[in-house]
Amino acid sequence: MKPGLKNPLMRVTNLLLYLSFCGLIGTGALLTWKLVPGSQGGHGLTVLDMKRHEWGEIHFWLAAVCVATTLAHLALNWPWLKKIASSGKAWRLLAGLAAGLILIFGIYALPVQGSQDNRDRENPPARHSGGQHRGR
């Protein structure tokens, strides 16, 4: 990379990273505390004429921008990471990257289960008639 190009790219990357991170915090707080899931969260509540699902889409795309700019930031700082952050020891750098990948894919690999509420709705308990049984 040309020496004069790295500094402007770093500035743009850092700005995008900061703004996308702030947007993630804002939309996450909005989804968590204002447009809460449940009886009112999914039905009728809006902010700027957008419902919870639409804000969730914005939250997702902000996360995608944040991940992309983080990768660009790491790529632009690769020489520093190799030299300073790992103290010249490649295993430290590889261990840090491996820990991040394990965290990402480990969380994604967790099994998905239905909540108890969903199971109760799908399999309601059998209702018994008040003790009176009719004979044949």
N, C-alpha and C. Protein backbone atom coordinates (compact mmCIF):
# COMPACT_ATOMS: atom_id res chain seq x y z
N MET A 1 0.84 -1.17 0.00
CA MET A 1 0.00 0.00 0.00
C MET A 1 0.89 1.24 0.00
N LYS A 2 0.46 2.24 -0.74
CA LYS A 2 1.22 3.48 -0.80
C LYS A 2 1.19 4.17 0.55
N PRO A 3 2.31 4.74 0.98
CA PRO A 3 2.36 5.38 2.31
C PRO A 3 1.33 6.49 2.48
N GLY A 4 1.05 7.25 1.44
CA GLY A 4 0.11 8.36 1.57
C GLY A 4 -1.33 7.93 1.58
N LEU A 5 -1.63 6.66 1.24
CA LEU A 5 -3.01 6.18 1.16
C LEU A 5 -3.50 5.57 2.47
N LYS A 6 -2.58 5.06 3.28
CA LYS A 6 -2.98 4.37 4.50
C LYS A 6 -3.67 5.30 5.50
N ASN A 7 -3.17 6.49 5.71
CA ASN A 7 -3.74 7.40 6.69
C ASN A 7 -5.19 7.78 6.36
N PRO A 8 -5.52 8.20 5.14
CA PRO A 8 -6.93 8.49 4.85
C PRO A 8 -7.83 7.26 4.97
N LEU A 9 -7.32 6.09 4.55
CA LEU A 9 -8.12 4.86 4.71
C LEU A 9 -8.37 4.54 6.18
N MET A 10 -7.37 4.75 7.01
CA MET A 10 -7.53 4.52 8.45
C MET A 10 -8.59 5.46 9.02
N ARG A 11 -8.56 6.72 8.60
CA ARG A 11 -9.54 7.68 9.10
C ARG A 11 -10.96 7.28 8.73
N VAL A 12 -11.15 6.89 7.48
CA VAL A 12 -12.48 6.49 7.02
C VAL A 12 -12.92 5.22 7.74
N THR A 13 -12.01 4.25 7.84
CA THR A 13 -12.32 2.99 8.53
C THR A 13 -12.67 3.24 9.99
N ASN A 14 -11.87 4.05 10.67
CA ASN A 14 -12.14 4.34 12.07
C ASN A 14 -13.48 5.05 12.26
N LEU A 15 -13.79 6.00 11.37
CA LEU A 15 -15.06 6.71 11.46
C LEU A 15 -16.24 5.77 11.23
N LEU A 16 -16.16 4.93 10.18
CA LEU A 16 -17.23 3.96 9.92
C LEU A 16 -17.39 2.98 11.06
N LEU A 17 -16.28 2.53 11.62
CA LEU A 17 -16.33 1.60 12.74
C LEU A 17 -17.00 2.24 13.94
N TYR A 18 -16.64 3.47 14.24
CA TYR A 18 -17.23 4.18 15.37
C TYR A 18 -18.73 4.42 15.16
N LEU A 19 -19.11 4.91 13.98
CA LEU A 19 -20.52 5.21 13.71
C LEU A 19 -21.38 3.94 13.69
N SER A 20 -20.87 2.87 13.09
CA SER A 20 -21.65 1.63 13.06
C SER A 20 -21.78 1.04 14.46
N PHE A 21 -20.74 1.14 15.27
CA PHE A 21 -20.82 0.66 16.65
C PHE A 21 -21.83 1.47 17.46
N CYS A 22 -21.81 2.79 17.30
CA CYS A 22 -22.78 3.63 18.00
C CYS A 22 -24.20 3.32 17.52
N GLY A 23 -24.36 3.08 16.22
CA GLY A 23 -25.67 2.71 15.69
C GLY A 23 -26.14 1.38 16.24
N LEU A 24 -25.22 0.43 16.41
CA LEU A 24 -25.58 -0.86 17.01
C LEU A 24 -26.05 -0.69 18.44
N ILE A 25 -25.38 0.15 19.19
CA ILE A 25 -25.79 0.40 20.57
C ILE A 25 -27.18 1.04 20.59
N GLY A 26 -27.37 2.04 19.73
CA GLY A 26 -28.66 2.74 19.70
C GLY A 26 -29.82 1.84 19.29
N THR A 27 -29.64 1.08 18.20
CA THR A 27 -30.73 0.21 17.75
C THR A 27 -30.92 -0.96 18.72
N GLY A 28 -29.84 -1.45 19.30
CA GLY A 28 -29.98 -2.52 20.30
C GLY A 28 -30.76 -2.06 21.52
N ALA A 29 -30.46 -0.84 21.99
CA ALA A 29 -31.20 -0.29 23.13
C ALA A 29 -32.66 -0.08 22.76
N LEU A 30 -32.91 0.41 21.56
CA LEU A 30 -34.28 0.62 21.09
C LEU A 30 -35.05 -0.69 21.06
N LEU A 31 -34.43 -1.72 20.52
CA LEU A 31 -35.09 -3.03 20.44
C LEU A 31 -35.29 -3.66 21.82
N THR A 32 -34.35 -3.43 22.71
CA THR A 32 -34.42 -4.06 24.03
C THR A 32 -35.39 -3.36 24.97
N TRP A 33 -35.37 -2.02 24.99
CA TRP A 33 -36.11 -1.31 26.02
C TRP A 33 -37.33 -0.53 25.54
N LYS A 34 -37.42 -0.22 24.26
CA LYS A 34 -38.58 0.55 23.79
C LYS A 34 -39.53 -0.30 22.97
N LEU A 35 -39.01 -1.06 22.05
CA LEU A 35 -39.84 -1.92 21.20
C LEU A 35 -39.72 -3.36 21.69
N VAL A 36 -40.07 -3.56 22.93
CA VAL A 36 -39.88 -4.86 23.58
C VAL A 36 -40.71 -5.93 22.90
N PRO A 37 -40.16 -7.16 22.85
CA PRO A 37 -40.94 -8.25 22.26
C PRO A 37 -42.10 -8.62 23.18
N GLY A 38 -43.07 -9.26 22.62
CA GLY A 38 -44.20 -9.69 23.42
C GLY A 38 -45.51 -9.10 22.93
N SER A 39 -46.42 -8.90 23.85
CA SER A 39 -47.77 -8.50 23.45
C SER A 39 -47.81 -7.16 22.75
N GLN A 40 -47.02 -6.20 23.18
CA GLN A 40 -47.03 -4.89 22.53
C GLN A 40 -45.85 -4.69 21.58
N GLY A 41 -44.73 -5.38 21.82
CA GLY A 41 -43.53 -5.14 21.04
C GLY A 41 -43.67 -5.47 19.57
N GLY A 42 -44.39 -6.52 19.26
CA GLY A 42 -44.53 -6.90 17.86
C GLY A 42 -45.79 -6.37 17.21
N HIS A 43 -46.65 -5.72 17.98
CA HIS A 43 -47.94 -5.33 17.45
C HIS A 43 -48.23 -3.87 17.77
N GLY A 44 -48.00 -3.01 16.82
CA GLY A 44 -48.47 -1.65 16.96
C GLY A 44 -47.45 -0.61 17.41
N LEU A 45 -46.39 -0.99 18.10
CA LEU A 45 -45.42 0.00 18.54
C LEU A 45 -44.48 0.35 17.39
N THR A 46 -44.25 1.64 17.18
CA THR A 46 -43.34 2.07 16.13
C THR A 46 -42.48 3.22 16.63
N VAL A 47 -41.33 3.39 16.01
CA VAL A 47 -40.47 4.55 16.20
C VAL A 47 -40.11 5.01 14.79
N LEU A 48 -40.37 6.27 14.49
CA LEU A 48 -40.17 6.82 13.14
C LEU A 48 -40.92 5.98 12.10
N ASP A 49 -42.13 5.54 12.46
CA ASP A 49 -42.99 4.72 11.59
C ASP A 49 -42.38 3.38 11.21
N MET A 50 -41.44 2.89 12.01
CA MET A 50 -40.85 1.58 11.76
C MET A 50 -41.09 0.68 12.96
N LYS A 51 -41.50 -0.57 12.68
CA LYS A 51 -41.77 -1.54 13.74
C LYS A 51 -40.48 -2.26 14.14
N ARG A 52 -40.60 -3.12 15.14
CA ARG A 52 -39.46 -3.85 15.69
C ARG A 52 -38.69 -4.60 14.61
N HIS A 53 -39.40 -5.27 13.72
CA HIS A 53 -38.74 -6.06 12.68
C HIS A 53 -37.90 -5.17 11.76
N GLU A 54 -38.41 -4.02 11.40
CA GLU A 54 -37.65 -3.11 10.53
C GLU A 54 -36.41 -2.57 11.24
N TRP A 55 -36.54 -2.25 12.53
CA TRP A 55 -35.37 -1.82 13.30
C TRP A 55 -34.37 -2.96 13.44
N GLY A 56 -34.86 -4.19 13.52
CA GLY A 56 -33.97 -5.35 13.57
C GLY A 56 -33.15 -5.49 12.30
N GLU A 57 -33.77 -5.18 11.15
CA GLU A 57 -33.04 -5.21 9.88
C GLU A 57 -31.93 -4.16 9.87
N ILE A 58 -32.23 -2.97 10.35
CA ILE A 58 -31.21 -1.91 10.42
C ILE A 58 -30.09 -2.35 11.35
N HIS A 59 -30.46 -2.94 12.49
CA HIS A 59 -29.47 -3.44 13.45
C HIS A 59 -28.55 -4.47 12.79
N PHE A 60 -29.14 -5.38 12.01
CA PHE A 60 -28.35 -6.40 11.32
C PHE A 60 -27.36 -5.76 10.35
N TRP A 61 -27.82 -4.82 9.53
CA TRP A 61 -26.93 -4.22 8.53
C TRP A 61 -25.86 -3.35 9.17
N LEU A 62 -26.17 -2.71 10.28
CA LEU A 62 -25.13 -1.99 11.03
C LEU A 62 -24.07 -2.97 11.53
N ALA A 63 -24.51 -4.14 11.96
CA ALA A 63 -23.56 -5.17 12.41
C ALA A 63 -22.68 -5.62 11.25
N ALA A 64 -23.26 -5.78 10.06
CA ALA A 64 -22.48 -6.17 8.89
C ALA A 64 -21.43 -5.11 8.55
N VAL A 65 -21.81 -3.84 8.62
CA VAL A 65 -20.85 -2.75 8.37
C VAL A 65 -19.76 -2.76 9.44
N CYS A 66 -20.15 -2.99 10.68
CA CYS A 66 -19.20 -3.02 11.79
C CYS A 66 -18.18 -4.16 11.59
N VAL A 67 -18.65 -5.33 11.20
CA VAL A 67 -17.75 -6.47 10.97
C VAL A 67 -16.82 -6.18 9.80
N ALA A 68 -17.36 -5.65 8.70
CA ALA A 68 -16.53 -5.35 7.53
C ALA A 68 -15.46 -4.31 7.86
N THR A 69 -15.85 -3.26 8.58
CA THR A 69 -14.86 -2.23 8.90
C THR A 69 -13.86 -2.71 9.94
N THR A 70 -14.28 -3.62 10.81
CA THR A 70 -13.33 -4.21 11.76
C THR A 70 -12.28 -5.03 11.01
N LEU A 71 -12.73 -5.82 10.03
CA LEU A 71 -11.78 -6.59 9.23
C LEU A 71 -10.83 -5.67 8.45
N ALA A 72 -11.37 -4.59 7.89
CA ALA A 72 -10.51 -3.63 7.19
C ALA A 72 -9.52 -2.98 8.16
N HIS A 73 -10.00 -2.65 9.35
CA HIS A 73 -9.14 -2.05 10.37
C HIS A 73 -7.99 -3.00 10.74
N LEU A 74 -8.33 -4.28 10.93
CA LEU A 74 -7.29 -5.28 11.25
C LEU A 74 -6.30 -5.42 10.10
N ALA A 75 -6.81 -5.42 8.87
CA ALA A 75 -5.93 -5.55 7.70
C ALA A 75 -4.99 -4.35 7.60
N LEU A 76 -5.51 -3.16 7.82
CA LEU A 76 -4.68 -1.96 7.74
C LEU A 76 -3.64 -1.91 8.86
N ASN A 77 -3.95 -2.55 9.99
CA ASN A 77 -3.04 -2.55 11.13
C ASN A 77 -2.27 -3.86 11.27
N TRP A 78 -2.26 -4.68 10.24
CA TRP A 78 -1.62 -5.98 10.33
C TRP A 78 -0.14 -5.90 10.72
N PRO A 79 0.63 -4.99 10.12
CA PRO A 79 2.05 -4.91 10.54
C PRO A 79 2.20 -4.60 12.04
N TRP A 80 1.37 -3.72 12.56
CA TRP A 80 1.42 -3.39 13.99
C TRP A 80 1.03 -4.61 14.81
N LEU A 81 -0.02 -5.33 14.38
CA LEU A 81 -0.44 -6.52 15.11
C LEU A 81 0.68 -7.56 15.16
N LYS A 82 1.34 -7.77 14.04
CA LYS A 82 2.42 -8.76 13.99
C LYS A 82 3.60 -8.35 14.87
N LYS A 83 3.93 -7.08 14.86
CA LYS A 83 5.14 -6.62 15.55
C LYS A 83 4.91 -6.30 17.02
N ILE A 84 3.93 -5.48 17.31
CA ILE A 84 3.75 -4.97 18.67
C ILE A 84 2.77 -5.81 19.49
N ALA A 85 1.57 -6.03 18.98
CA ALA A 85 0.55 -6.71 19.76
C ALA A 85 0.96 -8.14 20.12
N SER A 86 1.65 -8.81 19.21
CA SER A 86 2.07 -10.18 19.50
C SER A 86 3.50 -10.24 20.05
N SER A 87 4.13 -9.09 20.23
CA SER A 87 5.52 -9.00 20.71
C SER A 87 6.46 -9.88 19.90
N GLY A 88 6.17 -9.96 18.61
CA GLY A 88 7.03 -10.74 17.74
C GLY A 88 6.82 -12.24 17.84
N LYS A 89 5.85 -12.66 18.63
CA LYS A 89 5.57 -14.09 18.80
C LYS A 89 4.28 -14.41 18.07
N ALA A 90 4.39 -15.13 16.98
CA ALA A 90 3.24 -15.41 16.12
C ALA A 90 2.14 -16.16 16.86
N TRP A 91 2.51 -17.00 17.82
CA TRP A 91 1.49 -17.80 18.50
C TRP A 91 0.52 -16.91 19.26
N ARG A 92 0.98 -15.76 19.78
CA ARG A 92 0.08 -14.85 20.50
C ARG A 92 -0.97 -14.28 19.56
N LEU A 93 -0.53 -13.89 18.38
CA LEU A 93 -1.46 -13.34 17.39
C LEU A 93 -2.44 -14.41 16.94
N LEU A 94 -1.94 -15.60 16.66
CA LEU A 94 -2.80 -16.70 16.23
C LEU A 94 -3.77 -17.11 17.34
N ALA A 95 -3.31 -17.11 18.59
CA ALA A 95 -4.19 -17.46 19.71
C ALA A 95 -5.33 -16.44 19.85
N GLY A 96 -5.00 -15.17 19.68
CA GLY A 96 -6.04 -14.15 19.76
C GLY A 96 -7.06 -14.28 18.64
N LEU A 97 -6.59 -14.51 17.42
CA LEU A 97 -7.50 -14.71 16.29
C LEU A 97 -8.33 -15.97 16.48
N ALA A 98 -7.71 -17.06 16.95
CA ALA A 98 -8.44 -18.31 17.17
C ALA A 98 -9.50 -18.14 18.25
N ALA A 99 -9.18 -17.41 19.31
CA ALA A 99 -10.17 -17.19 20.37
C ALA A 99 -11.39 -16.44 19.83
N GLY A 100 -11.15 -15.45 18.98
CA GLY A 100 -12.26 -14.71 18.38
C GLY A 100 -13.11 -15.59 17.49
N LEU A 101 -12.47 -16.42 16.67
CA LEU A 101 -13.22 -17.31 15.78
C LEU A 101 -14.00 -18.37 16.57
N ILE A 102 -13.40 -18.88 17.63
CA ILE A 102 -14.09 -19.86 18.48
C ILE A 102 -15.32 -19.22 19.12
N LEU A 103 -15.17 -17.99 19.57
CA LEU A 103 -16.30 -17.28 20.17
C LEU A 103 -17.42 -17.08 19.15
N ILE A 104 -17.07 -16.63 17.96
CA ILE A 104 -18.09 -16.40 16.92
C ILE A 104 -18.79 -17.70 16.54
N PHE A 105 -18.01 -18.69 16.13
CA PHE A 105 -18.62 -19.92 15.63
C PHE A 105 -19.13 -20.81 16.75
N GLY A 106 -18.56 -20.68 17.95
CA GLY A 106 -19.07 -21.43 19.09
C GLY A 106 -20.47 -21.00 19.47
N ILE A 107 -20.70 -19.70 19.48
CA ILE A 107 -22.04 -19.18 19.78
C ILE A 107 -23.01 -19.60 18.68
N TYR A 108 -22.57 -19.50 17.42
CA TYR A 108 -23.44 -19.85 16.30
C TYR A 108 -23.78 -21.34 16.31
N ALA A 109 -22.89 -22.18 16.82
CA ALA A 109 -23.09 -23.62 16.81
C ALA A 109 -23.99 -24.11 17.95
N LEU A 110 -24.35 -23.24 18.88
CA LEU A 110 -25.21 -23.67 19.98
C LEU A 110 -26.54 -24.18 19.45
N PRO A 111 -27.10 -25.20 20.08
CA PRO A 111 -28.37 -25.76 19.58
C PRO A 111 -29.53 -24.79 19.81
N VAL A 112 -30.47 -24.82 18.89
CA VAL A 112 -31.67 -23.99 18.97
C VAL A 112 -32.78 -24.83 19.58
N GLN A 113 -33.47 -24.26 20.54
CA GLN A 113 -34.56 -24.97 21.20
C GLN A 113 -35.77 -24.06 21.27
N GLY A 114 -36.93 -24.67 21.31
CA GLY A 114 -38.16 -23.90 21.51
C GLY A 114 -38.27 -23.54 22.98
N SER A 115 -38.86 -22.39 23.27
CA SER A 115 -39.03 -22.00 24.66
C SER A 115 -40.17 -22.79 25.28
N GLN A 116 -40.23 -22.80 26.59
CA GLN A 116 -41.29 -23.51 27.30
C GLN A 116 -42.65 -22.95 26.90
N ASP A 117 -42.74 -21.64 26.70
CA ASP A 117 -44.01 -21.03 26.29
C ASP A 117 -44.49 -21.60 24.98
N ASN A 118 -43.60 -21.77 24.01
CA ASN A 118 -43.99 -22.32 22.71
C ASN A 118 -44.41 -23.77 22.84
N ARG A 119 -43.74 -24.54 23.68
CA ARG A 119 -44.12 -25.94 23.87
C ARG A 119 -45.49 -26.05 24.52
N ASP A 120 -45.79 -25.16 25.46
CA ASP A 120 -47.09 -25.19 26.11
C ASP A 120 -48.20 -24.86 25.13
N ARG A 121 -47.96 -23.93 24.21
CA ARG A 121 -48.98 -23.56 23.22
C ARG A 121 -49.20 -24.68 22.22
N GLU A 122 -48.12 -25.39 21.85
CA GLU A 122 -48.24 -26.46 20.88
C GLU A 122 -48.86 -27.72 21.49
N ASN A 123 -48.58 -28.00 22.74
CA ASN A 123 -49.09 -29.20 23.41
C ASN A 123 -49.82 -28.81 24.69
N PRO A 124 -51.03 -28.29 24.57
CA PRO A 124 -51.74 -27.89 25.80
C PRO A 124 -52.05 -29.12 26.64
N PRO A 125 -52.08 -28.94 27.97
CA PRO A 125 -52.39 -30.08 28.83
C PRO A 125 -53.80 -30.58 28.57
N ALA A 126 -53.97 -31.89 28.74
CA ALA A 126 -55.31 -32.48 28.52
C ALA A 126 -56.27 -31.94 29.57
N ARG A 127 -57.45 -31.60 29.14
CA ARG A 127 -58.47 -31.09 30.08
C ARG A 127 -59.33 -32.25 30.53
N HIS A 128 -59.58 -32.25 31.80
CA HIS A 128 -60.41 -33.30 32.38
C HIS A 128 -61.77 -32.71 32.70
N SER A 129 -62.81 -33.49 32.43
CA SER A 129 -64.13 -33.02 32.82
C SER A 129 -64.24 -33.19 34.32
N GLY A 130 -64.92 -32.33 34.98
CA GLY A 130 -64.97 -32.20 36.43
C GLY A 130 -65.25 -33.48 37.19
N GLY A 131 -64.72 -34.61 36.82
CA GLY A 131 -64.85 -35.83 37.59
C GLY A 131 -66.05 -36.67 37.19
N GLN A 132 -66.90 -36.19 36.33
CA GLN A 132 -68.06 -36.96 35.94
C GLN A 132 -67.76 -37.73 34.68
N HIS A 133 -67.91 -39.00 34.77
CA HIS A 133 -67.65 -39.84 33.62
C HIS A 133 -68.96 -40.44 33.17
N ARG A 134 -69.18 -40.47 31.90
CA ARG A 134 -70.41 -41.07 31.36
C ARG A 134 -70.13 -42.52 31.03
N GLY A 135 -70.99 -43.32 31.41
CA GLY A 135 -70.86 -44.75 31.11
C GLY A 135 -71.23 -45.02 29.67
N ARG A 136 -71.03 -46.24 29.28
CA ARG A 136 -71.35 -46.64 27.92
C ARG A 136 -72.79 -46.80 27.72
